[in-house]
Amino acid sequence: MLRKILKVKSKEYLLNLPSEYINKKIEILVLPLENEENEEGIKLKNIEKTAGILKDKNIDPVEWQRKIRSEWDTNK
């Protein structure tokens, strides 16, 4: 699957398809994005908002993983 988000500056766009798509039926969709921000910007904002929120907590990551996994363990 290909997905590309770009800012259109012309009515024409040249589309290069991978060779494995040759002789196959494909679907091409062109949709406007609701939000002008690209995915990378959204990911970066989420990282910035959550980075360091647990720094003042005394959490052992390995023990924390064991605990949350044991809550879902159905083999008890």
Protein backbone atom coordinates (compact mmCIF):
# COMPACT_ATOMS: atom_id res chain seq x y z
CA MET A 1 0.00 0.00 0.00
CA LEU A 2 1.18 3.48 -0.78
CA ARG A 3 0.17 6.57 1.10
CA LYS A 4 1.49 10.01 0.42
CA ILE A 5 0.41 13.30 1.91
CA LEU A 6 1.48 16.35 -0.02
CA LYS A 7 0.58 19.96 -0.55
CA VAL A 8 -0.83 20.37 -4.03
CA LYS A 9 0.51 23.30 -6.00
CA SER A 10 -0.81 22.34 -9.41
CA LYS A 11 -3.82 20.70 -11.00
CA GLU A 12 -1.58 17.96 -12.37
CA TYR A 13 0.44 15.37 -10.48
CA LEU A 14 2.61 12.64 -11.96
CA LEU A 15 2.11 9.36 -10.13
CA ASN A 16 4.90 6.77 -10.14
CA LEU A 17 3.70 3.32 -9.17
CA PRO A 18 5.81 0.38 -7.95
CA SER A 19 6.49 -2.28 -10.56
CA GLU A 20 4.55 -4.89 -8.55
CA TYR A 21 1.37 -2.93 -9.30
CA ILE A 22 1.74 -3.41 -13.06
CA ASN A 23 -1.09 -5.51 -14.58
CA LYS A 24 -3.11 -5.36 -11.34
CA LYS A 25 -6.27 -3.51 -10.50
CA ILE A 26 -5.57 -0.63 -8.12
CA GLU A 27 -7.66 2.07 -6.50
CA ILE A 28 -6.48 5.65 -6.43
CA LEU A 29 -8.19 8.03 -4.00
CA VAL A 30 -7.67 11.76 -3.76
CA LEU A 31 -9.10 13.28 -0.60
CA PRO A 32 -8.52 16.62 1.10
CA LEU A 33 -7.12 16.37 4.60
CA GLU A 34 -9.41 17.66 7.32
CA ASN A 35 -6.45 18.91 9.28
CA GLU A 36 -3.71 20.84 7.50
CA GLU A 37 -1.04 19.35 9.76
CA ASN A 38 0.93 16.40 8.44
CA GLU A 39 1.23 13.11 10.33
CA GLU A 40 4.83 13.78 11.36
CA GLY A 41 3.78 17.03 13.03
CA ILE A 42 0.98 15.27 14.91
CA LYS A 43 3.35 12.55 16.16
CA LEU A 44 5.87 15.16 17.23
CA LYS A 45 3.24 17.12 19.16
CA ASN A 46 2.11 13.96 20.97
CA ILE A 47 5.69 13.14 21.92
CA GLU A 48 6.29 16.69 23.14
CA LYS A 49 3.10 16.64 25.24
CA THR A 50 3.94 13.34 26.94
CA ALA A 51 7.74 13.44 27.14
CA GLY A 52 8.98 13.36 30.71
CA ILE A 53 5.61 13.05 32.45
CA LEU A 54 6.85 10.06 34.46
CA LYS A 55 10.33 11.40 35.23
CA ASP A 56 9.46 12.20 38.86
CA LYS A 57 7.88 8.79 39.44
CA ASN A 58 9.98 5.93 40.77
CA ILE A 59 8.96 3.35 38.17
CA ASP A 60 10.96 0.30 37.16
CA PRO A 61 9.98 -0.23 33.49
CA VAL A 62 10.52 -4.01 33.57
CA GLU A 63 8.46 -4.45 36.73
CA TRP A 64 5.75 -2.17 35.31
CA GLN A 65 5.55 -4.31 32.15
CA ARG A 66 5.29 -7.50 34.22
CA LYS A 67 2.49 -6.00 36.28
CA ILE A 68 0.37 -4.84 33.35
CA ARG A 69 0.93 -8.12 31.51
CA SER A 70 -0.09 -10.14 34.55
CA GLU A 71 -3.38 -8.22 34.67
CA TRP A 72 -4.20 -9.61 31.23
CA ASP A 73 -2.75 -13.09 31.78
CA THR A 74 -5.57 -15.61 31.42
CA ASN A 75 -3.37 -18.61 32.24
CA LYS A 76 -3.54 -18.09 36.01
